[in-house]
Amino acid sequence: MICPSKICKSEIPDDSLYCDQCGIKILRCQKCDSIGLGKFCGKCGGAMAFNPSGAHKLLATEEKTVEAMPNDDTVASAEAPVPSKVQPFQPQRSGTQIISLDTAGTSLELCHNDGWSLAVKDGNILGRTTGEFVSRLGAFPVISSRHAQISFKAGKWYITDLHSTNRSYINNECLAPDSPTEINNGDILTLANVSFVARIS
C-alpha cells in the first residue's frame, strides 16, 4: 500500500501499523478498511481508527510456521556438519542507521507538500509577520501574525497556539490556545489551512 501522507507517499507493506519512511501512524476505516489520516474515511465516511489487525495476521502466520517446523528429534543430525570449535559471534552489517541517544529527537523539521520545509528550533514563532519564517509564512494570509510557538522540553517537541484567528491543528485535532501539545514524528501540523508533516530526528 501507499503511505497516506501527502509528503511521503512511500510504498509500504500492507500490514504496516506505521510508515517505514516517515513514521506516521496508519489509520484504517472501520467499515471499508481504507487507510487515511483524518477522523472519517474519504471513501465511505466511516470512522477512522488505529487498528493493529495486520499485526494479528502476521502473528497467525508466524504461529503456523512454527507448527510446521519438524521436531528436533526427527531431524537427522548425521547430515549436519559439526563444527570443530565454537565460532565467535560476528555482528552483521545492515542498512540500519545508528543514531546517538544524546542527539536523537532533538531536530524538528516541518515539511510542506510543495517541497520546502522549516527547520524549527526551541522558542521559534510561526507567524505571518512575526518570527524566523516570515519569508515563507508571509505568503499565507490565513496564518495569523503570531500564530503558534514551537518549544522543546525534556526531550519532546511541543506546539502552542497563540490565540490565532484560524486556529492550529495536529492530525485534524483543534488545539486549545496557550496549551502546549506534543508533536510526534509523522504528525500533520496545520496552521489555519496550511499543513506540514513533522519530521523528528
Protein backbone atom coordinates (compact mmCIF):
# COMPACT_ATOMS: atom_id res chain seq x y z
CA MET A 1 0.00 0.00 0.00
CA ILE A 2 0.99 3.67 -0.31
CA CYS A 3 1.63 5.83 2.77
CA PRO A 4 -1.37 8.21 3.17
CA SER A 5 0.90 11.17 3.99
CA LYS A 6 0.81 13.80 1.22
CA ILE A 7 4.53 14.36 1.69
CA CYS A 8 5.77 10.77 1.96
CA LYS A 9 3.74 8.60 -0.50
CA SER A 10 6.18 5.69 0.05
CA GLU A 11 5.20 2.12 -0.80
CA ILE A 12 4.98 0.11 2.44
CA PRO A 13 3.82 -3.44 3.37
CA ASP A 14 0.03 -3.91 3.52
CA ASP A 15 0.16 -4.98 7.19
CA SER A 16 2.15 -1.92 8.36
CA LEU A 17 0.99 -0.16 11.53
CA TYR A 18 3.33 2.78 10.86
CA CYS A 19 5.02 4.08 7.70
CA ASP A 20 8.60 2.72 7.47
CA GLN A 21 9.77 6.01 5.92
CA CYS A 22 8.06 8.91 7.73
CA GLY A 23 6.79 7.09 10.87
CA ILE A 24 3.17 8.24 10.57
CA LYS A 25 0.54 6.05 12.28
CA ILE A 26 -1.66 4.18 9.76
CA LEU A 27 -5.38 4.69 10.45
CA ARG A 28 -7.96 2.32 8.91
CA CYS A 29 -11.67 2.78 8.19
CA GLN A 30 -13.83 0.61 10.44
CA LYS A 31 -16.25 -0.01 7.54
CA CYS A 32 -14.24 -0.45 4.34
CA ASP A 33 -10.67 -0.90 5.74
CA SER A 34 -9.31 2.01 3.65
CA ILE A 35 -6.28 3.83 5.04
CA GLY A 36 -6.08 7.56 5.77
CA LEU A 37 -5.19 10.31 8.25
CA GLY A 38 -8.43 12.06 9.25
CA LYS A 39 -11.22 11.15 11.64
CA PHE A 40 -13.51 9.92 8.86
CA CYS A 41 -12.94 7.82 5.75
CA GLY A 42 -12.75 9.76 2.48
CA LYS A 43 -14.40 6.85 0.62
CA CYS A 44 -17.35 5.71 2.73
CA GLY A 45 -17.46 8.23 5.61
CA GLY A 46 -16.79 5.58 8.25
CA ALA A 47 -14.80 6.30 11.41
CA MET A 48 -11.02 6.01 11.12
CA ALA A 49 -9.13 4.25 13.92
CA PHE A 50 -5.74 2.75 14.68
CA ASN A 51 -6.33 -0.94 14.02
CA PRO A 52 -3.44 -3.37 14.55
CA SER A 53 -5.28 -6.12 12.63
CA GLY A 54 -2.27 -6.54 10.37
CA ALA A 55 -0.21 -7.48 13.41
CA HIS A 56 -2.70 -10.26 14.28
CA LYS A 57 -2.47 -11.64 10.73
CA LEU A 58 1.30 -11.62 10.90
CA LEU A 59 1.28 -13.35 14.30
CA ALA A 60 -1.04 -16.07 12.99
CA THR A 61 1.30 -16.68 10.04
CA GLU A 62 4.29 -16.98 12.36
CA GLU A 63 2.44 -19.49 14.58
CA LYS A 64 1.63 -21.70 11.57
CA THR A 65 5.26 -21.59 10.50
CA VAL A 66 6.40 -22.71 13.97
CA GLU A 67 3.88 -25.59 13.94
CA ALA A 68 5.11 -26.73 10.54
CA MET A 69 8.75 -26.97 11.62
CA PRO A 70 9.95 -30.51 12.35
CA ASN A 71 10.71 -31.64 15.88
CA ASP A 72 14.39 -31.69 16.84
CA ASP A 73 14.11 -35.47 17.44
CA THR A 74 13.09 -36.09 13.82
CA VAL A 75 15.98 -34.17 12.24
CA ALA A 76 18.84 -36.37 11.11
CA SER A 77 21.82 -34.97 12.95
CA ALA A 78 24.28 -37.11 10.96
CA GLU A 79 23.78 -34.94 7.87
CA ALA A 80 24.54 -31.67 9.65
CA PRO A 81 28.25 -30.81 9.91
CA VAL A 82 29.54 -30.48 13.46
CA PRO A 83 31.88 -27.52 13.92
CA SER A 84 35.23 -28.35 15.43
CA LYS A 85 35.15 -25.26 17.64
CA VAL A 86 32.66 -22.58 18.53
CA GLN A 87 32.99 -19.57 16.26
CA PRO A 88 32.94 -16.14 17.93
CA PHE A 89 29.87 -14.00 17.28
CA GLN A 90 30.30 -11.80 14.23
CA PRO A 91 27.89 -8.84 14.13
CA GLN A 92 26.25 -8.45 10.73
CA ARG A 93 26.28 -5.08 8.98
CA SER A 94 22.89 -3.84 7.91
CA GLY A 95 21.32 -0.73 6.43
CA THR A 96 20.11 0.40 9.84
CA GLN A 97 21.32 3.87 10.78
CA ILE A 98 22.75 4.23 14.29
CA ILE A 99 21.66 7.45 15.99
CA SER A 100 23.36 8.72 19.12
CA LEU A 101 20.95 8.81 22.07
CA ASP A 102 22.40 12.19 23.03
CA THR A 103 21.07 13.82 19.84
CA ALA A 104 18.12 11.60 18.83
CA GLY A 105 14.88 13.55 18.60
CA THR A 106 16.48 16.97 19.01
CA SER A 107 15.84 18.13 15.44
CA LEU A 108 12.38 19.09 14.14
CA GLU A 109 11.58 19.90 10.52
CA LEU A 110 8.13 20.93 9.25
CA CYS A 111 7.78 19.76 5.64
CA HIS A 112 5.28 21.42 3.28
CA ASN A 113 3.84 19.39 0.39
CA ASP A 114 5.22 21.93 -2.12
CA GLY A 115 8.74 20.70 -1.36
CA TRP A 116 10.02 23.29 1.12
CA SER A 117 10.44 22.92 4.87
CA LEU A 118 11.01 24.87 8.10
CA ALA A 119 13.89 23.75 10.34
CA VAL A 120 12.41 24.93 13.64
CA LYS A 121 14.15 25.38 16.98
CA ASP A 122 13.07 25.78 20.59
CA GLY A 123 11.18 29.05 21.04
CA ASN A 124 10.57 29.75 17.33
CA ILE A 125 7.40 31.70 16.49
CA LEU A 126 5.36 30.61 13.46
CA GLY A 127 3.64 33.68 12.09
CA ARG A 128 2.81 35.73 9.01
CA THR A 129 4.61 38.90 10.21
CA THR A 130 6.48 37.69 13.31
CA GLY A 131 9.17 35.06 13.82
CA GLU A 132 12.00 33.47 11.89
CA PHE A 133 9.91 32.22 8.94
CA VAL A 134 8.13 35.38 7.72
CA SER A 135 9.73 34.93 4.29
CA ARG A 136 7.78 31.66 3.88
CA LEU A 137 4.68 32.08 6.04
CA GLY A 138 4.11 35.70 4.99
CA ALA A 139 2.62 34.39 1.73
CA PHE A 140 -0.37 32.87 3.57
CA PRO A 141 -2.98 35.47 4.62
CA VAL A 142 -4.89 32.82 6.63
CA ILE A 143 -1.97 32.50 9.07
CA SER A 144 -2.04 34.97 11.97
CA SER A 145 0.75 37.46 12.64
CA ARG A 146 1.80 35.39 15.71
CA HIS A 147 0.08 32.08 15.01
CA ALA A 148 1.91 29.46 17.12
CA GLN A 149 5.14 28.78 19.02
CA ILE A 150 7.40 25.71 18.95
CA SER A 151 9.13 24.53 22.16
CA PHE A 152 11.45 21.69 23.17
CA LYS A 153 11.26 20.40 26.75
CA ALA A 154 12.54 17.21 28.40
CA GLY A 155 13.37 15.62 25.05
CA LYS A 156 9.96 16.31 23.46
CA TRP A 157 8.69 18.86 20.93
CA TYR A 158 5.54 20.91 21.52
CA ILE A 159 3.40 23.41 19.61
CA THR A 160 1.34 26.10 21.37
CA ASP A 161 -1.40 28.04 19.59
CA LEU A 162 -1.08 31.77 20.34
CA HIS A 163 -4.79 32.67 20.09
CA SER A 164 -4.62 32.55 16.28
CA THR A 165 -7.68 33.63 14.28
CA ASN A 166 -7.95 30.43 12.22
CA ARG A 167 -6.61 28.03 14.87
CA SER A 168 -3.90 25.34 14.87
CA TYR A 169 -4.34 21.58 14.47
CA ILE A 170 -2.45 18.32 14.96
CA ASN A 171 -3.81 15.44 12.85
CA ASN A 172 -7.05 17.43 12.36
CA GLU A 173 -7.50 17.90 16.14
CA CYS A 174 -8.00 21.58 17.03
CA LEU A 175 -5.58 22.85 19.68
CA ALA A 176 -6.65 24.91 22.67
CA PRO A 177 -4.83 28.30 22.88
CA ASP A 178 -1.92 28.58 25.34
CA SER A 179 -1.87 24.78 25.78
CA PRO A 180 1.40 23.11 24.67
CA THR A 181 0.62 19.94 22.68
CA GLU A 182 3.24 17.27 21.98
CA ILE A 183 4.42 16.75 18.40
CA ASN A 184 5.27 13.20 17.31
CA ASN A 185 7.21 12.12 14.24
CA GLY A 186 4.88 11.99 11.23
CA ASP A 187 2.17 14.19 12.76
CA ILE A 188 0.32 16.57 10.44
CA LEU A 189 0.55 20.13 11.78
CA THR A 190 -1.90 22.62 10.28
CA LEU A 191 -1.83 26.39 10.72
CA ALA A 192 -5.28 27.55 9.53
CA ASN A 193 -5.33 25.50 6.30
CA VAL A 194 -1.56 25.30 5.67
CA SER A 195 -0.33 21.78 6.54
CA PHE A 196 3.11 20.36 7.34
CA VAL A 197 4.45 16.89 8.14
CA ALA A 198 6.60 16.79 11.29
CA ARG A 199 9.96 15.05 10.83
CA ILE A 200 11.79 14.43 14.13
CA SER A 201 15.34 13.09 14.03
